[in-house]
PDB file of N, CA and C in Angstrom:
ATOM      1  N   MET A   1     119.764 113.242 106.119  1.00  0.00           N
ATOM      2  CA  MET A   1     118.618 113.880 105.366  1.00  0.00           C
ATOM      3  C   MET A   1     118.811 115.340 105.271  1.00  0.00           C
ATOM      4  N   SER A   2     118.267 115.973 104.281  1.00  0.00           N
ATOM      5  CA  SER A   2     118.440 117.457 104.097  1.00  0.00           C
ATOM      6  C   SER A   2     117.262 118.068 104.758  1.00  0.00           C
ATOM      7  N   SER A   3     117.658 119.393 105.096  1.00  0.00           N
ATOM      8  CA  SER A   3     116.548 120.263 105.801  1.00  0.00           C
ATOM      9  C   SER A   3     115.556 120.590 104.835  1.00  0.00           C
ATOM     10  N   PRO A   4     114.275 120.680 105.454  1.00  0.00           N
ATOM     11  CA  PRO A   4     113.248 121.281 104.591  1.00  0.00           C
ATOM     12  C   PRO A   4     113.629 122.344 103.658  1.00  0.00           C
ATOM     13  N   GLU A   5     114.288 123.344 104.465  1.00  0.00           N
ATOM     14  CA  GLU A   5     114.649 124.573 103.622  1.00  0.00           C
ATOM     15  C   GLU A   5     115.696 124.282 102.409  1.00  0.00           C
ATOM     16  N   SER A   6     116.606 123.427 102.592  1.00  0.00           N
ATOM     17  CA  SER A   6     117.457 123.048 101.538  1.00  0.00           C
ATOM     18  C   SER A   6     116.787 122.462 100.503  1.00  0.00           C
ATOM     19  N   PHE A   7     115.734 121.629 100.825  1.00  0.00           N
ATOM     20  CA  PHE A   7     115.020 121.015  99.753  1.00  0.00           C
ATOM     21  C   PHE A   7     114.143 121.895  98.899  1.00  0.00           C
ATOM     22  N   GLU A   8     113.572 122.786  99.641  1.00  0.00           N
ATOM     23  CA  GLU A   8     112.690 123.831  98.772  1.00  0.00           C
ATOM     24  C   GLU A   8     113.396 124.766  98.071  1.00  0.00           C
ATOM     25  N   GLU A   9     114.612 125.121  98.638  1.00  0.00           N
ATOM     26  CA  GLU A   9     115.540 126.069  97.863  1.00  0.00           C
ATOM     27  C   GLU A   9     116.068 125.204  96.500  1.00  0.00           C
ATOM     28  N   ARG A  10     116.414 124.123  96.615  1.00  0.00           N
ATOM     29  CA  ARG A  10     116.941 123.428  95.607  1.00  0.00           C
ATOM     30  C   ARG A  10     115.894 123.285  94.672  1.00  0.00           C
ATOM     31  N   ARG A  11     114.658 122.706  95.118  1.00  0.00           N
ATOM     32  CA  ARG A  11     113.620 122.557  94.152  1.00  0.00           C
ATOM     33  C   ARG A  11     113.107 123.910  93.340  1.00  0.00           C
ATOM     34  N   GLU A  12     112.941 124.937  94.018  1.00  0.00           N
ATOM     35  CA  GLU A  12     112.877 126.234  93.492  1.00  0.00           C
ATOM     36  C   GLU A  12     113.755 126.699  92.497  1.00  0.00           C
ATOM     37  N   ARG A  13     115.105 126.431  92.779  1.00  0.00           N
ATOM     38  CA  ARG A  13     116.148 126.740  91.794  1.00  0.00           C
ATOM     39  C   ARG A  13     115.924 125.962  90.556  1.00  0.00           C
ATOM     40  N   GLN A  14     115.759 124.569  90.688  1.00  0.00           N
ATOM     41  CA  GLN A  14     115.471 123.882  89.587  1.00  0.00           C
ATOM     42  C   GLN A  14     114.383 123.938  88.755  1.00  0.00           C
ATOM     43  N   GLN A  15     112.969 124.458  89.563  1.00  0.00           N
ATOM     44  CA  GLN A  15     111.858 124.620  88.837  1.00  0.00           C
ATOM     45  C   GLN A  15     112.152 126.037  87.861  1.00  0.00           C
ATOM     46  N   GLN A  16     112.770 126.944  88.500  1.00  0.00           N
ATOM     47  CA  GLN A  16     112.938 128.049  87.590  1.00  0.00           C
ATOM     48  C   GLN A  16     114.005 127.864  86.363  1.00  0.00           C
ATOM     49  N   ARG A  17     114.833 126.941  86.673  1.00  0.00           N
ATOM     50  CA  ARG A  17     115.738 126.656  85.467  1.00  0.00           C
ATOM     51  C   ARG A  17     114.781 125.845  84.414  1.00  0.00           C
ATOM     52  N   LEU A  18     114.001 125.002  84.735  1.00  0.00           N
ATOM     53  CA  LEU A  18     113.052 124.114  84.003  1.00  0.00           C
ATOM     54  C   LEU A  18     112.093 125.208  83.175  1.00  0.00           C
ATOM     55  N   LEU A  19     111.617 126.163  83.912  1.00  0.00           N
ATOM     56  CA  LEU A  19     110.723 127.197  83.216  1.00  0.00           C
ATOM     57  C   LEU A  19     111.244 127.942  82.222  1.00  0.00           C
ATOM     58  N   GLU A  20     112.787 128.104  82.661  1.00  0.00           N
ATOM     59  CA  GLU A  20     113.503 129.187  81.573  1.00  0.00           C
ATOM     60  C   GLU A  20     113.745 128.317  80.376  1.00  0.00           C
ATOM     61  N   LEU A  21     114.187 127.005  80.493  1.00  0.00           N
ATOM     62  CA  LEU A  21     114.676 126.175  79.380  1.00  0.00           C
ATOM     63  C   LEU A  21     113.514 125.398  78.711  1.00  0.00           C
ATOM     64  N   GLY A  22     112.475 125.170  79.440  1.00  0.00           N
ATOM     65  CA  GLY A  22     111.265 124.376  78.807  1.00  0.00           C
ATOM     66  C   GLY A  22     110.560 124.819  77.671  1.00  0.00           C
ATOM     67  N   SER A  23     110.260 123.862  77.005  1.00  0.00           N
ATOM     68  CA  SER A  23     109.095 124.275  75.895  1.00  0.00           C
ATOM     69  C   SER A  23     108.001 124.607  76.367  1.00  0.00           C
ATOM     70  N   ARG A  24     106.968 125.252  75.213  1.00  0.00           N
ATOM     71  CA  ARG A  24     105.663 125.556  75.604  1.00  0.00           C
ATOM     72  C   ARG A  24     104.934 124.491  76.316  1.00  0.00           C
ATOM     73  N   SER A  25     105.242 123.231  75.857  1.00  0.00           N
ATOM     74  CA  SER A  25     104.586 122.038  76.164  1.00  0.00           C
ATOM     75  C   SER A  25     104.931 121.837  77.752  1.00  0.00           C
ATOM     76  N   THR A  26     106.024 121.990  78.182  1.00  0.00           N
ATOM     77  CA  THR A  26     106.584 121.835  79.598  1.00  0.00           C
ATOM     78  C   THR A  26     105.877 122.892  80.424  1.00  0.00           C
ATOM     79  N   LYS A  27     105.791 124.215  79.978  1.00  0.00           N
ATOM     80  CA  LYS A  27     105.215 125.195  80.871  1.00  0.00           C
ATOM     81  C   LYS A  27     103.777 125.042  81.042  1.00  0.00           C
ATOM     82  N   ARG A  28     103.182 124.680  79.822  1.00  0.00           N
ATOM     83  CA  ARG A  28     101.660 124.176  80.068  1.00  0.00           C
ATOM     84  C   ARG A  28     101.463 123.208  81.001  1.00  0.00           C
ATOM     85  N   PHE A  29     102.416 122.073  80.904  1.00  0.00           N
ATOM     86  CA  PHE A  29     101.998 121.039  82.126  1.00  0.00           C
ATOM     87  C   PHE A  29     102.194 121.575  83.357  1.00  0.00           C
ATOM     88  N   ILE A  30     103.283 122.427  83.580  1.00  0.00           N
ATOM     89  CA  ILE A  30     103.533 123.038  85.062  1.00  0.00           C
ATOM     90  C   ILE A  30     102.441 123.804  85.397  1.00  0.00           C
ATOM     91  N   ASN A  31     101.785 124.673  84.581  1.00  0.00           N
ATOM     92  CA  ASN A  31     100.690 125.377  84.780  1.00  0.00           C
ATOM     93  C   ASN A  31      99.571 124.740  85.224  1.00  0.00           C
ATOM     94  N   LEU A  32      99.236 123.558  84.503  1.00  0.00           N
ATOM     95  CA  LEU A  32      98.228 122.622  84.693  1.00  0.00           C
ATOM     96  C   LEU A  32      98.293 122.146  86.085  1.00  0.00           C
ATOM     97  N   ASP A  33      99.414 121.568  86.508  1.00  0.00           N
ATOM     98  CA  ASP A  33      99.929 120.933  87.533  1.00  0.00           C
ATOM     99  C   ASP A  33      99.434 121.776  88.687  1.00  0.00           C
ATOM    100  N   GLY A  34      99.845 122.978  88.723  1.00  0.00           N
ATOM    101  CA  GLY A  34      99.591 124.030  89.785  1.00  0.00           C
ATOM    102  C   GLY A  34      98.020 124.042  89.965  1.00  0.00           C
ATOM    103  N   ALA A  35      97.360 124.347  88.797  1.00  0.00           N
ATOM    104  CA  ALA A  35      95.970 124.756  88.687  1.00  0.00           C
ATOM    105  C   ALA A  35      95.074 123.428  89.388  1.00  0.00           C
ATOM    106  N   VAL A  36      95.674 122.360  89.269  1.00  0.00           N
ATOM    107  CA  VAL A  36      94.761 121.145  89.609  1.00  0.00           C
ATOM    108  C   VAL A  36      94.710 120.979  91.050  1.00  0.00           C
ATOM    109  N   TYR A  37      95.614 121.556  91.967  1.00  0.00           N
ATOM    110  CA  TYR A  37      95.899 121.520  93.162  1.00  0.00           C
ATOM    111  C   TYR A  37      95.200 122.567  94.037  1.00  0.00           C
ATOM    112  N   ARG A  38      94.837 123.471  93.130  1.00  0.00           N
ATOM    113  CA  ARG A  38      93.935 124.751  93.973  1.00  0.00           C
ATOM    114  C   ARG A  38      92.644 124.241  94.489  1.00  0.00           C
ATOM    115  N   ASP A  39      92.070 124.938  95.457  1.00  0.00           N
ATOM    116  CA  ASP A  39      90.836 124.618  95.965  1.00  0.00           C
ATOM    117  C   ASP A  39      89.734 124.639  94.719  1.00  0.00           C
ATOM    118  N   GLY A  40      88.812 123.711  94.838  1.00  0.00           N
ATOM    119  CA  GLY A  40      87.841 123.399  94.009  1.00  0.00           C
ATOM    120  C   GLY A  40      86.774 122.734  94.655  1.00  0.00           C
ATOM    121  N   VAL A  41      85.923 121.900  94.053  1.00  0.00           N
ATOM    122  CA  VAL A  41      85.246 121.004  94.798  1.00  0.00           C
ATOM    123  C   VAL A  41      85.738 120.295  95.941  1.00  0.00           C
ATOM    124  N   LEU A  42      86.811 119.821  95.738  1.00  0.00           N
ATOM    125  CA  LEU A  42      87.790 119.219  96.868  1.00  0.00           C
ATOM    126  C   LEU A  42      88.846 120.363  97.404  1.00  0.00           C
ATOM    127  N   PRO A  43      88.831 120.486  98.665  1.00  0.00           N
ATOM    128  CA  PRO A  43      89.970 121.524  99.056  1.00  0.00           C
ATOM    129  C   PRO A  43      91.354 121.181  98.643  1.00  0.00           C
ATOM    130  N   ALA A  44      92.091 122.162  98.557  1.00  0.00           N
ATOM    131  CA  ALA A  44      93.648 122.099  98.224  1.00  0.00           C
ATOM    132  C   ALA A  44      94.203 120.948  99.345  1.00  0.00           C
ATOM    133  N   ARG A  45      93.777 121.009 100.571  1.00  0.00           N
ATOM    134  CA  ARG A  45      94.461 120.037 101.245  1.00  0.00           C
ATOM    135  C   ARG A  45      94.250 118.643 101.107  1.00  0.00           C
ATOM    136  N   ALA A  46      92.846 118.357 100.625  1.00  0.00           N
ATOM    137  CA  ALA A  46      92.600 116.979 100.178  1.00  0.00           C
ATOM    138  C   ALA A  46      93.228 116.711  99.041  1.00  0.00           C
ATOM    139  N   LYS A  47      93.495 117.522  98.114  1.00  0.00           N
ATOM    140  CA  LYS A  47      94.264 117.233  96.937  1.00  0.00           C
ATOM    141  C   LYS A  47      95.717 117.019  97.065  1.00  0.00           C
ATOM    142  N   GLU A  48      96.367 117.735  98.013  1.00  0.00           N
ATOM    143  CA  GLU A  48      97.686 117.503  98.355  1.00  0.00           C
ATOM    144  C   GLU A  48      97.907 115.938  99.027  1.00  0.00           C
ATOM    145  N   LEU A  49      96.792 115.653  99.930  1.00  0.00           N
ATOM    146  CA  LEU A  49      96.887 114.387 100.512  1.00  0.00           C
ATOM    147  C   LEU A  49      96.767 113.404  99.335  1.00  0.00           C
ATOM    148  N   LEU A  50      95.910 113.442  98.256  1.00  0.00           N
ATOM    149  CA  LEU A  50      95.796 112.611  97.144  1.00  0.00           C
ATOM    150  C   LEU A  50      97.065 112.568  96.558  1.00  0.00           C
ATOM    151  N   GLY A  51      97.841 113.726  96.198  1.00  0.00           N
ATOM    152  CA  GLY A  51      98.988 113.793  95.633  1.00  0.00           C
ATOM    153  C   GLY A  51     100.243 112.928  96.342  1.00  0.00           C
ATOM    154  N   LEU A  52     100.049 113.216  97.584  1.00  0.00           N
ATOM    155  CA  LEU A  52     101.031 112.340  98.564  1.00  0.00           C
ATOM    156  C   LEU A  52     101.082 110.802  98.260  1.00  0.00           C
ATOM    157  N   VAL A  53      99.556 110.459  98.464  1.00  0.00           N
ATOM    158  CA  VAL A  53      99.455 109.154  98.352  1.00  0.00           C
ATOM    159  C   VAL A  53     100.005 108.332  96.911  1.00  0.00           C
ATOM    160  N   ALA A  54      99.657 109.427  95.765  1.00  0.00           N
ATOM    161  CA  ALA A  54     100.226 108.760  94.412  1.00  0.00           C
ATOM    162  C   ALA A  54     101.826 108.728  94.465  1.00  0.00           C
ATOM    163  N   SER A  55     102.375 109.867  95.165  1.00  0.00           N
ATOM    164  CA  SER A  55     103.832 109.781  95.162  1.00  0.00           C
ATOM    165  C   SER A  55     104.380 108.862  95.858  1.00  0.00           C
ATOM    166  N   MET A  56     103.940 108.412  97.083  1.00  0.00           N
ATOM    167  CA  MET A  56     104.293 107.407  97.738  1.00  0.00           C
ATOM    168  C   MET A  56     104.191 106.100  96.994  1.00  0.00           C
ATOM    169  N   VAL A  57     103.074 105.630  96.419  1.00  0.00           N
ATOM    170  CA  VAL A  57     102.891 104.514  95.424  1.00  0.00           C
ATOM    171  C   VAL A  57     104.132 104.489  94.442  1.00  0.00           C
ATOM    172  N   LEU A  58     103.988 105.719  93.663  1.00  0.00           N
ATOM    173  CA  LEU A  58     105.148 105.929  92.604  1.00  0.00           C
ATOM    174  C   LEU A  58     106.467 105.791  93.195  1.00  0.00           C
ATOM    175  N   ARG A  59     106.483 106.058  94.488  1.00  0.00           N
ATOM    176  CA  ARG A  59     108.091 106.153  95.327  1.00  0.00           C
ATOM    177  C   ARG A  59     108.963 107.045  94.613  1.00  0.00           C
ATOM    178  N   CYS A  60     108.287 108.389  94.519  1.00  0.00           N
ATOM    179  CA  CYS A  60     109.038 109.407  93.878  1.00  0.00           C
ATOM    180  C   CYS A  60     109.438 110.503  95.394  1.00  0.00           C
ATOM    181  N   GLU A  61     110.668 110.375  95.657  1.00  0.00           N
ATOM    182  CA  GLU A  61     111.157 110.975  96.952  1.00  0.00           C
ATOM    183  C   GLU A  61     111.033 112.447  96.788  1.00  0.00           C
ATOM    184  N   ASP A  62     111.338 113.221  95.636  1.00  0.00           N
ATOM    185  CA  ASP A  62     111.182 114.609  95.737  1.00  0.00           C
ATOM    186  C   ASP A  62     109.639 114.856  95.657  1.00  0.00           C
ATOM    187  N   CYS A  63     108.587 114.157  95.042  1.00  0.00           N
ATOM    188  CA  CYS A  63     107.325 114.335  94.911  1.00  0.00           C
ATOM    189  C   CYS A  63     106.711 114.220  96.499  1.00  0.00           C
ATOM    190  N   ILE A  64     107.276 113.099  96.997  1.00  0.00           N
ATOM    191  CA  ILE A  64     106.843 113.049  98.411  1.00  0.00           C
ATOM    192  C   ILE A  64     107.190 114.134  99.356  1.00  0.00           C
ATOM    193  N   LYS A  65     108.278 114.693  99.478  1.00  0.00           N
ATOM    194  CA  LYS A  65     108.711 115.841 100.074  1.00  0.00           C
ATOM    195  C   LYS A  65     108.020 117.037  99.721  1.00  0.00           C
ATOM    196  N   TYR A  66     107.717 117.218  98.417  1.00  0.00           N
ATOM    197  CA  TYR A  66     106.914 118.366  98.057  1.00  0.00           C
ATOM    198  C   TYR A  66     105.640 118.259  98.626  1.00  0.00           C
ATOM    199  N   HIS A  67     104.946 117.154  98.411  1.00  0.00           N
ATOM    200  CA  HIS A  67     103.550 117.171  98.836  1.00  0.00           C
ATOM    201  C   HIS A  67     103.423 117.009 100.484  1.00  0.00           C
ATOM    202  N   LEU A  68     104.320 116.555 101.142  1.00  0.00           N
ATOM    203  CA  LEU A  68     104.561 116.765 102.670  1.00  0.00           C
ATOM    204  C   LEU A  68     104.481 118.156 102.986  1.00  0.00           C
ATOM    205  N   THR A  69     105.438 118.989 102.289  1.00  0.00           N
ATOM    206  CA  THR A  69     105.461 120.424 102.721  1.00  0.00           C
ATOM    207  C   THR A  69     104.139 120.976 102.287  1.00  0.00           C
ATOM    208  N   ARG A  70     103.568 120.845 101.332  1.00  0.00           N
ATOM    209  CA  ARG A  70     102.200 121.450 100.974  1.00  0.00           C
ATOM    210  C   ARG A  70     101.099 121.148 101.814  1.00  0.00           C
ATOM    211  N   CYS A  71     101.294 119.818 102.407  1.00  0.00           N
ATOM    212  CA  CYS A  71     100.100 119.420 103.241  1.00  0.00           C
ATOM    213  C   CYS A  71     100.493 120.244 104.647  1.00  0.00           C
ATOM    214  N   HIS A  72     101.807 120.288 105.116  1.00  0.00           N
ATOM    215  CA  HIS A  72     101.863 121.082 106.344  1.00  0.00           C
ATOM    216  C   HIS A  72     101.594 122.519 106.114  1.00  0.00           C
ATOM    217  N   ARG A  73     101.715 123.092 104.843  1.00  0.00           N
ATOM    218  CA  ARG A  73     100.999 124.474 104.702  1.00  0.00           C
ATOM    219  C   ARG A  73      99.775 124.704 104.593  1.00  0.00           C
ATOM    220  N   GLU A  74      99.055 123.479 104.264  1.00  0.00           N
ATOM    221  CA  GLU A  74      97.467 123.693 104.150  1.00  0.00           C
ATOM    222  C   GLU A  74      96.922 123.053 105.676  1.00  0.00           C
ATOM    223  N   GLY A  75      97.808 122.860 106.604  1.00  0.00           N
ATOM    224  CA  GLY A  75      97.239 122.694 107.815  1.00  0.00           C
ATOM    225  C   GLY A  75      96.846 121.168 108.109  1.00  0.00           C
ATOM    226  N   VAL A  76      97.375 120.224 107.465  1.00  0.00           N
ATOM    227  CA  VAL A  76      97.074 118.832 107.471  1.00  0.00           C
ATOM    228  C   VAL A  76      97.540 118.411 109.033  1.00  0.00           C
ATOM    229  N   GLU A  77      96.758 117.689 109.691  1.00  0.00           N
ATOM    230  CA  GLU A  77      97.167 117.284 110.977  1.00  0.00           C
ATOM    231  C   GLU A  77      97.925 116.053 110.768  1.00  0.00           C
ATOM    232  N   THR A  78      98.755 115.722 111.780  1.00  0.00           N
ATOM    233  CA  THR A  78      99.457 114.358 111.848  1.00  0.00           C
ATOM    234  C   THR A  78      98.687 113.157 111.609  1.00  0.00           C
ATOM    235  N   ALA A  79      97.555 113.097 112.458  1.00  0.00           N
ATOM    236  CA  ALA A  79      96.594 111.919 112.380  1.00  0.00           C
ATOM    237  C   ALA A  79      95.927 111.928 110.890  1.00  0.00           C
ATOM    238  N   GLU A  80      95.792 112.960 110.204  1.00  0.00           N
ATOM    239  CA  GLU A  80      95.208 112.926 108.900  1.00  0.00           C
ATOM    240  C   GLU A  80      96.424 112.393 107.829  1.00  0.00           C
ATOM    241  N   LEU A  81      97.539 112.815 108.164  1.00  0.00           N
ATOM    242  CA  LEU A  81      98.708 112.443 107.251  1.00  0.00           C
ATOM    243  C   LEU A  81      99.043 110.953 107.488  1.00  0.00           C
ATOM    244  N   ILE A  82      98.899 110.371 108.667  1.00  0.00           N
ATOM    245  CA  ILE A  82      98.940 108.948 109.079  1.00  0.00           C
ATOM    246  C   ILE A  82      97.967 108.075 108.204  1.00  0.00           C
ATOM    247  N   GLU A  83      96.663 108.549 108.254  1.00  0.00           N
ATOM    248  CA  GLU A  83      95.647 107.804 107.418  1.00  0.00           C
ATOM    249  C   GLU A  83      95.825 107.945 106.060  1.00  0.00           C
ATOM    250  N   ALA A  84      96.328 108.856 105.506  1.00  0.00           N
ATOM    251  CA  ALA A  84      96.709 109.013 104.018  1.00  0.00           C
ATOM    252  C   ALA A  84      97.841 108.001 103.648  1.00  0.00           C
ATOM    253  N   LEU A  85      99.121 108.063 104.512  1.00  0.00           N
ATOM    254  CA  LEU A  85     100.082 107.085 104.449  1.00  0.00           C
ATOM    255  C   LEU A  85      99.791 105.670 104.567  1.00  0.00           C
ATOM    256  N   ASP A  86      98.684 105.490 105.275  1.00  0.00           N
ATOM    257  CA  ASP A  86      98.245 104.150 105.334  1.00  0.00           C
ATOM    258  C   ASP A  86      97.518 103.533 104.184  1.00  0.00           C
ATOM    259  N   VAL A  87      96.786 104.505 103.541  1.00  0.00           N
ATOM    260  CA  VAL A  87      96.176 104.232 102.236  1.00  0.00           C
ATOM    261  C   VAL A  87      97.325 103.926 101.122  1.00  0.00           C
ATOM    262  N   ALA A  88      98.350 104.497 101.133  1.00  0.00           N
ATOM    263  CA  ALA A  88      99.493 104.437 100.431  1.00  0.00           C
ATOM    264  C   ALA A  88     100.069 103.173 100.508  1.00  0.00           C
ATOM    265  N   LEU A  89     100.088 102.623 101.795  1.00  0.00           N
ATOM    266  CA  LEU A  89     100.841 101.425 102.135  1.00  0.00           C
ATOM    267  C   LEU A  89      99.969 100.321 101.578  1.00  0.00           C
ATOM    268  N   ILE A  90      98.747 100.333 101.848  1.00  0.00           N
ATOM    269  CA  ILE A  90      97.740  99.371 101.393  1.00  0.00           C
ATOM    270  C   ILE A  90      97.829  99.242  99.705  1.00  0.00           C
ATOM    271  N   VAL A  91      97.732 100.536  99.071  1.00  0.00           N
ATOM    272  CA  VAL A  91      97.764 100.374  97.559  1.00  0.00           C
ATOM    273  C   VAL A  91      99.078  99.853  97.107  1.00  0.00           C
ATOM    274  N   GLY A  92     100.032 100.383  97.502  1.00  0.00           N
ATOM    275  CA  GLY A  92     101.459 100.038  97.344  1.00  0.00           C
ATOM    276  C   GLY A  92     102.173  99.088  97.771  1.00  0.00           C
ATOM    277  N   GLY A  93     101.743  98.549  98.893  1.00  0.00           N
ATOM    278  CA  GLY A  93     102.538  97.236  99.453  1.00  0.00           C
ATOM    279  C   GLY A  93     103.664  97.553 100.286  1.00  0.00           C
ATOM    280  N   SER A  94     104.466  96.622 100.618  1.00  0.00           N
ATOM    281  CA  SER A  94     105.507  96.649 101.477  1.00  0.00           C
ATOM    282  C   SER A  94     106.731  97.586 100.914  1.00  0.00           C
ATOM    283  N   ILE A  95     106.730  97.693  99.668  1.00  0.00           N
ATOM    284  CA  ILE A  95     107.714  98.472  99.117  1.00  0.00           C
ATOM    285  C   ILE A  95     107.756 100.020  99.409  1.00  0.00           C
ATOM    286  N   VAL A  96     106.562 100.372  99.916  1.00  0.00           N
ATOM    287  CA  VAL A  96     106.274 101.787 100.332  1.00  0.00           C
ATOM    288  C   VAL A  96     106.780 101.842 101.828  1.00  0.00           C
ATOM    289  N   ILE A  97     107.077 100.923 102.505  1.00  0.00           N
ATOM    290  CA  ILE A  97     107.398 101.180 103.882  1.00  0.00           C
ATOM    291  C   ILE A  97     108.757 102.082 104.106  1.00  0.00           C
ATOM    292  N   PRO A  98     109.886 101.820 103.224  1.00  0.00           N
ATOM    293  CA  PRO A  98     110.842 102.848 103.385  1.00  0.00           C
ATOM    294  C   PRO A  98     110.595 104.104 103.192  1.00  0.00           C
ATOM    295  N   HIS A  99     109.803 104.414 102.303  1.00  0.00           N
ATOM    296  CA  HIS A  99     109.260 105.758 101.918  1.00  0.00           C
ATOM    297  C   HIS A  99     108.357 106.254 102.982  1.00  0.00           C
ATOM    298  N   TYR A 100     107.635 105.637 103.650  1.00  0.00           N
ATOM    299  CA  TYR A 100     106.810 105.875 104.678  1.00  0.00           C
ATOM    300  C   TYR A 100     107.571 106.423 105.917  1.00  0.00           C
ATOM    301  N   ARG A 101     108.736 105.568 106.104  1.00  0.00           N
ATOM    302  CA  ARG A 101     109.673 105.918 107.148  1.00  0.00           C
ATOM    303  C   ARG A 101     110.260 107.331 107.037  1.00  0.00           C
ATOM    304  N   ARG A 102     110.777 107.502 105.839  1.00  0.00           N
ATOM    305  CA  ARG A 102     111.331 108.772 105.344  1.00  0.00           C
ATOM    306  C   ARG A 102     110.294 110.039 105.356  1.00  0.00           C
ATOM    307  N   ALA A 103     109.087 109.691 104.960  1.00  0.00           N
ATOM    308  CA  ALA A 103     107.903 110.643 105.018  1.00  0.00           C
ATOM    309  C   ALA A 103     107.771 111.146 106.434  1.00  0.00           C
ATOM    310  N   LEU A 104     107.683 110.155 107.370  1.00  0.00           N
ATOM    311  CA  LEU A 104     107.381 110.510 108.696  1.00  0.00           C
ATOM    312  C   LEU A 104     108.574 111.352 109.236  1.00  0.00           C
ATOM    313  N   GLU A 105     109.748 111.058 109.012  1.00  0.00           N
ATOM    314  CA  GLU A 105     111.157 111.807 109.257  1.00  0.00           C
ATOM    315  C   GLU A 105     111.024 113.302 108.705  1.00  0.00           C
ATOM    316  N   HIS A 106     110.555 113.535 107.397  1.00  0.00           N
ATOM    317  CA  HIS A 106     110.474 114.656 106.978  1.00  0.00           C
ATOM    318  C   HIS A 106     109.164 115.467 107.479  1.00  0.00           C
ATOM    319  N   TRP A 107     108.164 114.877 107.705  1.00  0.00           N
ATOM    320  CA  TRP A 107     107.085 115.695 108.256  1.00  0.00           C
ATOM    321  C   TRP A 107     107.444 116.004 109.677  1.00  0.00           C
ATOM    322  N   GLU A 108     108.189 115.315 110.566  1.00  0.00           N
ATOM    323  CA  GLU A 108     108.663 115.570 111.786  1.00  0.00           C
ATOM    324  C   GLU A 108     109.556 116.898 111.775  1.00  0.00           C
ATOM    325  N   SER A 109     110.263 116.928 110.809  1.00  0.00           N
ATOM    326  CA  SER A 109     111.241 118.050 110.513  1.00  0.00           C
ATOM    327  C   SER A 109     110.475 119.357 110.175  1.00  0.00           C
ATOM    328  N   LEU A 110     109.447 119.254 109.422  1.00  0.00           N
ATOM    329  CA  LEU A 110     108.476 120.272 109.074  1.00  0.00           C
ATOM    330  C   LEU A 110     107.762 120.781 110.286  1.00  0.00           C
ATOM    331  N   SER A 111     107.371 119.782 111.167  1.00  0.00           N
ATOM    332  CA  SER A 111     106.450 120.072 112.205  1.00  0.00           C
ATOM    333  C   SER A 111     107.159 120.659 113.275  1.00  0.00           C
ATOM    334  N   ASP A 112     108.537 120.566 113.276  1.00  0.00           N
ATOM    335  CA  ASP A 112     109.351 121.415 114.215  1.00  0.00           C
ATOM    336  C   ASP A 112     109.320 122.944 113.961  1.00  0.00           C
ATOM    337  N   GLU A 113     108.769 123.342 112.791  1.00  0.00           N
ATOM    338  CA  GLU A 113     108.778 124.668 112.355  1.00  0.00           C
ATOM    339  C   GLU A 113     107.119 124.970 112.633  1.00  0.00           C
ATOM    340  N   GLU A 114     106.945 126.245 112.719  1.00  0.00           N
ATOM    341  CA  GLU A 114     105.733 126.822 112.628  1.00  0.00           C
ATOM    342  C   GLU A 114     105.070 126.699 111.338  1.00  0.00           C
ATOM    343  N   PRO A 115     103.931 126.511 111.030  1.00  0.00           N
ATOM    344  CA  PRO A 115     103.503 126.342 109.583  1.00  0.00           C
ATOM    345  C   PRO A 115     103.225 127.667 109.025  1.00  0.00           C
ATOM    346  N   PRO A 116     103.978 127.879 107.895  1.00  0.00           N
ATOM    347  CA  PRO A 116     103.732 129.094 107.227  1.00  0.00           C
ATOM    348  C   PRO A 116     102.548 129.618 106.629  1.00  0.00           C
ATOM    349  N   ALA A 117     102.070 130.812 106.496  1.00  0.00           N
ATOM    350  CA  ALA A 117     100.799 131.026 106.114  1.00  0.00           C
ATOM    351  C   ALA A 117     100.496 130.590 104.714  1.00  0.00           C
ATOM    352  N   ARG A 118      99.356 130.095 104.594  1.00  0.00           N
ATOM    353  CA  ARG A 118      98.798 129.313 103.223  1.00  0.00           C
ATOM    354  C   ARG A 118      99.062 130.402 102.178  1.00  0.00           C
ATOM    355  N   ARG A 119      99.618 129.674 101.199  1.00  0.00           N
ATOM    356  CA  ARG A 119      99.875 130.497  99.926  1.00  0.00           C
ATOM    357  C   ARG A 119      99.507 129.719  98.529  1.00  0.00           C
ATOM    358  N   ASP A 120      99.219 130.441  97.547  1.00  0.00           N
ATOM    359  CA  ASP A 120      98.900 129.789  96.173  1.00  0.00           C
ATOM    360  C   ASP A 120     100.012 129.109  95.803  1.00  0.00           C
ATOM    361  N   ARG A 121      99.983 128.108  94.972  1.00  0.00           N
ATOM    362  CA  ARG A 121     100.889 127.376  94.445  1.00  0.00           C
ATOM    363  C   ARG A 121     101.617 128.396  93.270  1.00  0.00           C
TER     364      ARG A 121
END
């Protein structure tokens, strides 16, 4: 398993390259994605949990790690995370179990660190 830092560094490097080479449509989508997860009627932390559940059901490992990191930064507690992962398990079925295991492992590696100050996407 890669460390949270190496995942974030790799993702940031890849994201910058995507923004350099991407079309206007790509950049608009990326901007929309960032805007959707900001505080609104639903707080950002709830939106990140929703994104995590969707990522678990879709079985996207990078998305799962990303939303776990964002949940950690938003101050989500482990008990809240477990409830969200249980929703993903019910919706996605047993195929989600390996992703649930890896999500817990990644969460624990994040939880070993002090949560960074909340920042905008």
